[in-house]
Amino acid sequence: MASGKEYLDYVLEQLSCVDGITFRAMMGEYIIYCQGKVIGGIYDDRFLIKQTEAARDIMPDAPLELPYEGAKEMLAVDCVDDRDALCRLIPAVAAELPAPKPKKKNKGELL
């Protein structure tokens, strides 16, 4: 089941307090970025984020869920309706994730 644009719009509105939030549509779902880092996504109208120490500290009772078959488990964001909690959670998660790897140039591509 693909995620609805309405749910994405709601989550993005809730995240409007966080700088550097972007998203990309991918196969009916949405990948969520913070400052260029993949922090999670919208899968089947569920907001899931990567497991980090900060995420566990802020959401100690959040269940682990699979975004799709064969993927690593992610934390279900249990505070989507709490903008203040999201404003603490998302930057804290992003701070613990490594910087994105530089993209490789294709053969024959000009530098």
N, C-alpha and C. Protein backbone atom coordinates (compact mmCIF):
# COMPACT_ATOMS: atom_id res chain seq x y z
N MET A 1 0.85 -1.18 0.00
CA MET A 1 0.00 0.00 0.00
C MET A 1 0.89 1.24 0.00
N ALA A 2 0.69 2.12 -0.92
CA ALA A 2 1.47 3.36 -1.01
C ALA A 2 0.97 4.37 0.03
N SER A 3 1.87 5.25 0.40
CA SER A 3 1.52 6.30 1.37
C SER A 3 0.81 7.44 0.66
N GLY A 4 -0.10 8.07 1.37
CA GLY A 4 -0.85 9.19 0.82
C GLY A 4 -0.10 10.50 0.95
N LYS A 5 -0.26 11.35 -0.03
CA LYS A 5 0.37 12.68 -0.02
C LYS A 5 -0.14 13.50 1.17
N GLU A 6 -1.37 13.26 1.58
CA GLU A 6 -1.94 14.01 2.70
C GLU A 6 -1.17 13.73 3.99
N TYR A 7 -0.81 12.47 4.21
CA TYR A 7 -0.05 12.14 5.42
C TYR A 7 1.34 12.75 5.34
N LEU A 8 1.98 12.68 4.19
CA LEU A 8 3.29 13.33 4.00
C LEU A 8 3.18 14.81 4.33
N ASP A 9 2.18 15.48 3.78
CA ASP A 9 2.00 16.92 4.03
C ASP A 9 1.83 17.20 5.52
N TYR A 10 1.09 16.35 6.22
CA TYR A 10 0.89 16.53 7.66
C TYR A 10 2.21 16.41 8.41
N VAL A 11 2.98 15.36 8.09
CA VAL A 11 4.27 15.16 8.76
C VAL A 11 5.21 16.33 8.45
N LEU A 12 5.25 16.77 7.21
CA LEU A 12 6.12 17.91 6.86
C LEU A 12 5.69 19.18 7.60
N GLU A 13 4.41 19.38 7.76
CA GLU A 13 3.92 20.54 8.53
C GLU A 13 4.38 20.43 9.98
N GLN A 14 4.28 19.25 10.54
CA GLN A 14 4.73 19.04 11.92
C GLN A 14 6.24 19.25 12.05
N LEU A 15 6.99 18.99 10.99
CA LEU A 15 8.45 19.14 11.00
C LEU A 15 8.90 20.53 10.56
N SER A 16 7.97 21.45 10.35
CA SER A 16 8.33 22.78 9.85
C SER A 16 9.22 23.55 10.83
N CYS A 17 9.29 23.11 12.06
CA CYS A 17 10.14 23.75 13.06
C CYS A 17 11.61 23.32 12.94
N VAL A 18 11.89 22.34 12.07
CA VAL A 18 13.24 21.80 11.92
C VAL A 18 13.82 22.30 10.60
N ASP A 19 15.02 22.89 10.66
CA ASP A 19 15.68 23.36 9.44
C ASP A 19 16.23 22.19 8.64
N GLY A 20 16.20 22.33 7.32
CA GLY A 20 16.85 21.37 6.45
C GLY A 20 16.06 20.10 6.17
N ILE A 21 14.74 20.12 6.35
CA ILE A 21 13.92 18.94 6.06
C ILE A 21 13.57 18.95 4.58
N THR A 22 13.86 17.83 3.92
CA THR A 22 13.46 17.63 2.53
C THR A 22 12.93 16.20 2.41
N PHE A 23 12.37 15.89 1.26
CA PHE A 23 11.87 14.54 1.02
C PHE A 23 12.04 14.19 -0.44
N ARG A 24 11.96 12.89 -0.71
CA ARG A 24 12.00 12.41 -2.08
C ARG A 24 11.02 11.25 -2.19
N ALA A 25 10.20 11.27 -3.21
CA ALA A 25 9.27 10.17 -3.46
C ALA A 25 10.06 8.99 -4.02
N MET A 26 9.72 7.80 -3.52
CA MET A 26 10.39 6.60 -4.00
C MET A 26 9.44 5.42 -3.94
N MET A 27 9.02 4.94 -5.10
CA MET A 27 8.19 3.75 -5.21
C MET A 27 6.93 3.82 -4.35
N GLY A 28 6.24 4.94 -4.37
CA GLY A 28 4.99 5.09 -3.63
C GLY A 28 5.16 5.47 -2.18
N GLU A 29 6.39 5.62 -1.74
CA GLU A 29 6.68 6.01 -0.36
C GLU A 29 7.51 7.29 -0.40
N TYR A 30 7.92 7.79 0.77
CA TYR A 30 8.67 9.05 0.83
C TYR A 30 9.85 8.91 1.78
N ILE A 31 11.03 9.25 1.30
CA ILE A 31 12.24 9.25 2.12
C ILE A 31 12.37 10.66 2.70
N ILE A 32 12.62 10.75 4.00
CA ILE A 32 12.73 12.04 4.68
C ILE A 32 14.21 12.30 5.01
N TYR A 33 14.67 13.49 4.68
CA TYR A 33 16.04 13.91 4.93
C TYR A 33 16.06 15.07 5.91
N CYS A 34 17.11 15.14 6.71
CA CYS A 34 17.37 16.31 7.55
C CYS A 34 18.82 16.70 7.31
N GLN A 35 19.01 17.89 6.80
CA GLN A 35 20.34 18.40 6.49
C GLN A 35 21.11 17.44 5.59
N GLY A 36 20.41 16.87 4.61
CA GLY A 36 21.01 15.97 3.63
C GLY A 36 21.17 14.53 4.09
N LYS A 37 20.82 14.23 5.33
CA LYS A 37 20.96 12.87 5.87
C LYS A 37 19.60 12.17 5.86
N VAL A 38 19.58 10.93 5.43
CA VAL A 38 18.35 10.15 5.49
C VAL A 38 18.08 9.81 6.95
N ILE A 39 16.97 10.32 7.46
CA ILE A 39 16.63 10.04 8.87
C ILE A 39 15.50 9.03 8.99
N GLY A 40 14.76 8.83 7.91
CA GLY A 40 13.64 7.90 7.94
C GLY A 40 12.75 8.07 6.74
N GLY A 41 11.47 7.80 6.91
CA GLY A 41 10.56 7.94 5.80
C GLY A 41 9.12 7.68 6.19
N ILE A 42 8.26 7.85 5.20
CA ILE A 42 6.84 7.57 5.33
C ILE A 42 6.60 6.27 4.55
N TYR A 43 6.18 5.25 5.27
CA TYR A 43 5.94 3.93 4.69
C TYR A 43 4.55 3.48 5.10
N ASP A 44 3.69 3.23 4.12
CA ASP A 44 2.31 2.81 4.41
C ASP A 44 1.65 3.74 5.43
N ASP A 45 1.82 5.03 5.22
CA ASP A 45 1.26 6.06 6.10
C ASP A 45 1.71 5.90 7.55
N ARG A 46 2.97 5.50 7.73
CA ARG A 46 3.61 5.43 9.04
C ARG A 46 4.92 6.22 8.94
N PHE A 47 5.21 7.06 9.91
CA PHE A 47 6.46 7.80 9.96
C PHE A 47 7.44 6.97 10.76
N LEU A 48 8.46 6.45 10.09
CA LEU A 48 9.48 5.61 10.72
C LEU A 48 10.83 6.30 10.62
N ILE A 49 11.64 6.18 11.67
CA ILE A 49 12.97 6.79 11.65
C ILE A 49 14.02 5.74 12.01
N LYS A 50 15.26 6.06 11.65
CA LYS A 50 16.38 5.17 11.95
C LYS A 50 16.56 5.06 13.46
N GLN A 51 17.03 3.89 13.87
CA GLN A 51 17.29 3.66 15.29
C GLN A 51 18.60 4.34 15.68
N THR A 52 18.52 5.28 16.58
CA THR A 52 19.71 5.93 17.14
C THR A 52 19.53 6.01 18.65
N GLU A 53 20.60 6.29 19.33
CA GLU A 53 20.53 6.43 20.79
C GLU A 53 19.57 7.56 21.18
N ALA A 54 19.66 8.68 20.47
CA ALA A 54 18.79 9.82 20.77
C ALA A 54 17.32 9.46 20.56
N ALA A 55 17.03 8.74 19.49
CA ALA A 55 15.65 8.35 19.21
C ALA A 55 15.12 7.47 20.32
N ARG A 56 15.94 6.54 20.80
CA ARG A 56 15.52 5.65 21.89
C ARG A 56 15.34 6.43 23.19
N ASP A 57 16.20 7.44 23.44
CA ASP A 57 16.07 8.25 24.66
C ASP A 57 14.78 9.06 24.64
N ILE A 58 14.44 9.63 23.49
CA ILE A 58 13.26 10.49 23.38
C ILE A 58 11.98 9.68 23.28
N MET A 59 12.05 8.52 22.62
CA MET A 59 10.87 7.66 22.45
C MET A 59 11.18 6.25 22.97
N PRO A 60 11.32 6.09 24.27
CA PRO A 60 11.75 4.79 24.81
C PRO A 60 10.76 3.64 24.55
N ASP A 61 9.51 3.95 24.35
CA ASP A 61 8.51 2.90 24.16
C ASP A 61 8.10 2.72 22.70
N ALA A 62 8.79 3.40 21.78
CA ALA A 62 8.43 3.31 20.36
C ALA A 62 8.68 1.89 19.85
N PRO A 63 7.70 1.34 19.15
CA PRO A 63 7.88 -0.01 18.62
C PRO A 63 8.79 -0.02 17.38
N LEU A 64 9.42 -1.16 17.17
CA LEU A 64 10.20 -1.37 15.95
C LEU A 64 9.28 -1.93 14.88
N GLU A 65 9.40 -1.40 13.67
CA GLU A 65 8.56 -1.86 12.57
C GLU A 65 9.40 -1.95 11.31
N LEU A 66 8.98 -2.83 10.42
CA LEU A 66 9.65 -2.95 9.11
C LEU A 66 9.01 -1.97 8.13
N PRO A 67 9.83 -1.14 7.49
CA PRO A 67 9.25 -0.25 6.49
C PRO A 67 8.73 -1.03 5.27
N TYR A 68 9.44 -2.10 4.91
CA TYR A 68 9.06 -2.98 3.82
C TYR A 68 9.82 -4.29 4.01
N GLU A 69 9.36 -5.34 3.36
CA GLU A 69 9.97 -6.65 3.52
C GLU A 69 11.45 -6.63 3.12
N GLY A 70 12.28 -7.17 3.98
CA GLY A 70 13.71 -7.25 3.70
C GLY A 70 14.50 -6.06 4.22
N ALA A 71 13.84 -5.05 4.76
CA ALA A 71 14.52 -3.86 5.27
C ALA A 71 14.89 -4.04 6.74
N LYS A 72 15.77 -3.16 7.22
CA LYS A 72 16.09 -3.12 8.65
C LYS A 72 14.91 -2.50 9.40
N GLU A 73 14.74 -2.96 10.63
CA GLU A 73 13.67 -2.39 11.45
C GLU A 73 13.97 -0.93 11.76
N MET A 74 12.91 -0.15 11.83
CA MET A 74 13.00 1.27 12.17
C MET A 74 12.04 1.54 13.32
N LEU A 75 12.23 2.68 13.96
CA LEU A 75 11.35 3.08 15.06
C LEU A 75 10.12 3.79 14.51
N ALA A 76 8.96 3.37 14.98
CA ALA A 76 7.72 4.06 14.63
C ALA A 76 7.65 5.33 15.48
N VAL A 77 7.51 6.46 14.84
CA VAL A 77 7.44 7.73 15.56
C VAL A 77 6.08 7.79 16.24
N ASP A 78 6.12 7.76 17.57
CA ASP A 78 4.87 7.74 18.33
C ASP A 78 4.44 9.13 18.80
N CYS A 79 5.17 10.14 18.33
CA CYS A 79 4.86 11.51 18.76
C CYS A 79 4.61 12.43 17.56
N VAL A 80 4.06 11.90 16.47
CA VAL A 80 3.83 12.70 15.26
C VAL A 80 2.95 13.91 15.56
N ASP A 81 2.03 13.78 16.49
CA ASP A 81 1.12 14.88 16.81
C ASP A 81 1.73 15.90 17.78
N ASP A 82 2.92 15.62 18.27
CA ASP A 82 3.59 16.49 19.24
C ASP A 82 4.75 17.22 18.56
N ARG A 83 4.47 18.41 18.06
CA ARG A 83 5.47 19.17 17.31
C ARG A 83 6.72 19.47 18.14
N ASP A 84 6.55 19.78 19.42
CA ASP A 84 7.71 20.07 20.27
C ASP A 84 8.63 18.86 20.39
N ALA A 85 8.05 17.68 20.55
CA ALA A 85 8.86 16.46 20.63
C ALA A 85 9.59 16.22 19.31
N LEU A 86 8.91 16.43 18.19
CA LEU A 86 9.55 16.25 16.88
C LEU A 86 10.70 17.24 16.69
N CYS A 87 10.52 18.46 17.20
CA CYS A 87 11.57 19.48 17.07
C CYS A 87 12.82 19.12 17.86
N ARG A 88 12.67 18.28 18.87
CA ARG A 88 13.84 17.75 19.61
C ARG A 88 14.36 16.47 18.96
N LEU A 89 13.44 15.61 18.56
CA LEU A 89 13.79 14.28 18.04
C LEU A 89 14.59 14.33 16.74
N ILE A 90 14.08 14.99 15.75
CA ILE A 90 14.66 14.92 14.41
C ILE A 90 16.08 15.48 14.36
N PRO A 91 16.35 16.68 14.90
CA PRO A 91 17.75 17.16 14.88
C PRO A 91 18.69 16.24 15.68
N ALA A 92 18.20 15.66 16.77
CA ALA A 92 19.03 14.77 17.58
C ALA A 92 19.38 13.50 16.80
N VAL A 93 18.42 12.96 16.07
CA VAL A 93 18.68 11.78 15.24
C VAL A 93 19.67 12.13 14.14
N ALA A 94 19.45 13.24 13.46
CA ALA A 94 20.33 13.65 12.36
C ALA A 94 21.76 13.86 12.85
N ALA A 95 21.91 14.41 14.05
CA ALA A 95 23.25 14.68 14.59
C ALA A 95 24.04 13.39 14.80
N GLU A 96 23.36 12.28 15.06
CA GLU A 96 24.03 11.00 15.30
C GLU A 96 24.34 10.22 14.02
N LEU A 97 23.78 10.64 12.91
CA LEU A 97 23.99 9.91 11.65
C LEU A 97 25.20 10.47 10.91
N PRO A 98 25.91 9.60 10.17
CA PRO A 98 27.07 10.08 9.42
C PRO A 98 26.65 10.99 8.26
N ALA A 99 27.58 11.81 7.85
CA ALA A 99 27.34 12.69 6.70
C ALA A 99 27.13 11.81 5.47
N PRO A 100 26.32 12.28 4.52
CA PRO A 100 26.10 11.49 3.30
C PRO A 100 27.41 11.33 2.52
N LYS A 101 27.55 10.18 1.88
CA LYS A 101 28.74 9.94 1.07
C LYS A 101 28.65 10.75 -0.21
N PRO A 102 29.81 11.27 -0.69
CA PRO A 102 29.77 12.01 -1.95
C PRO A 102 29.35 11.09 -3.09
N LYS A 103 28.62 11.66 -4.03
CA LYS A 103 28.16 10.87 -5.17
C LYS A 103 29.33 10.61 -6.11
N LYS A 104 29.34 9.39 -6.65
CA LYS A 104 30.39 9.02 -7.60
C LYS A 104 30.08 9.61 -8.96
N LYS A 105 31.12 10.00 -9.66
CA LYS A 105 30.96 10.51 -11.01
C LYS A 105 30.88 9.32 -11.96
N ASN A 106 30.06 9.43 -12.99
CA ASN A 106 29.97 8.40 -14.01
C ASN A 106 31.18 8.47 -14.93
N LYS A 107 31.56 7.33 -15.51
CA LYS A 107 32.65 7.33 -16.47
C LYS A 107 32.30 8.27 -17.61
N GLY A 108 33.26 9.05 -17.99
CA GLY A 108 33.04 9.96 -19.12
C GLY A 108 32.40 11.28 -18.70
N GLU A 109 32.03 11.41 -17.46
CA GLU A 109 31.41 12.66 -16.99
C GLU A 109 32.50 13.68 -16.76
N LEU A 110 32.27 14.89 -17.20
CA LEU A 110 33.24 15.95 -17.02
C LEU A 110 33.31 16.35 -15.55
N LEU A 111 34.48 16.68 -15.09
CA LEU A 111 34.65 17.10 -13.70
C LEU A 111 34.22 18.50 -13.49
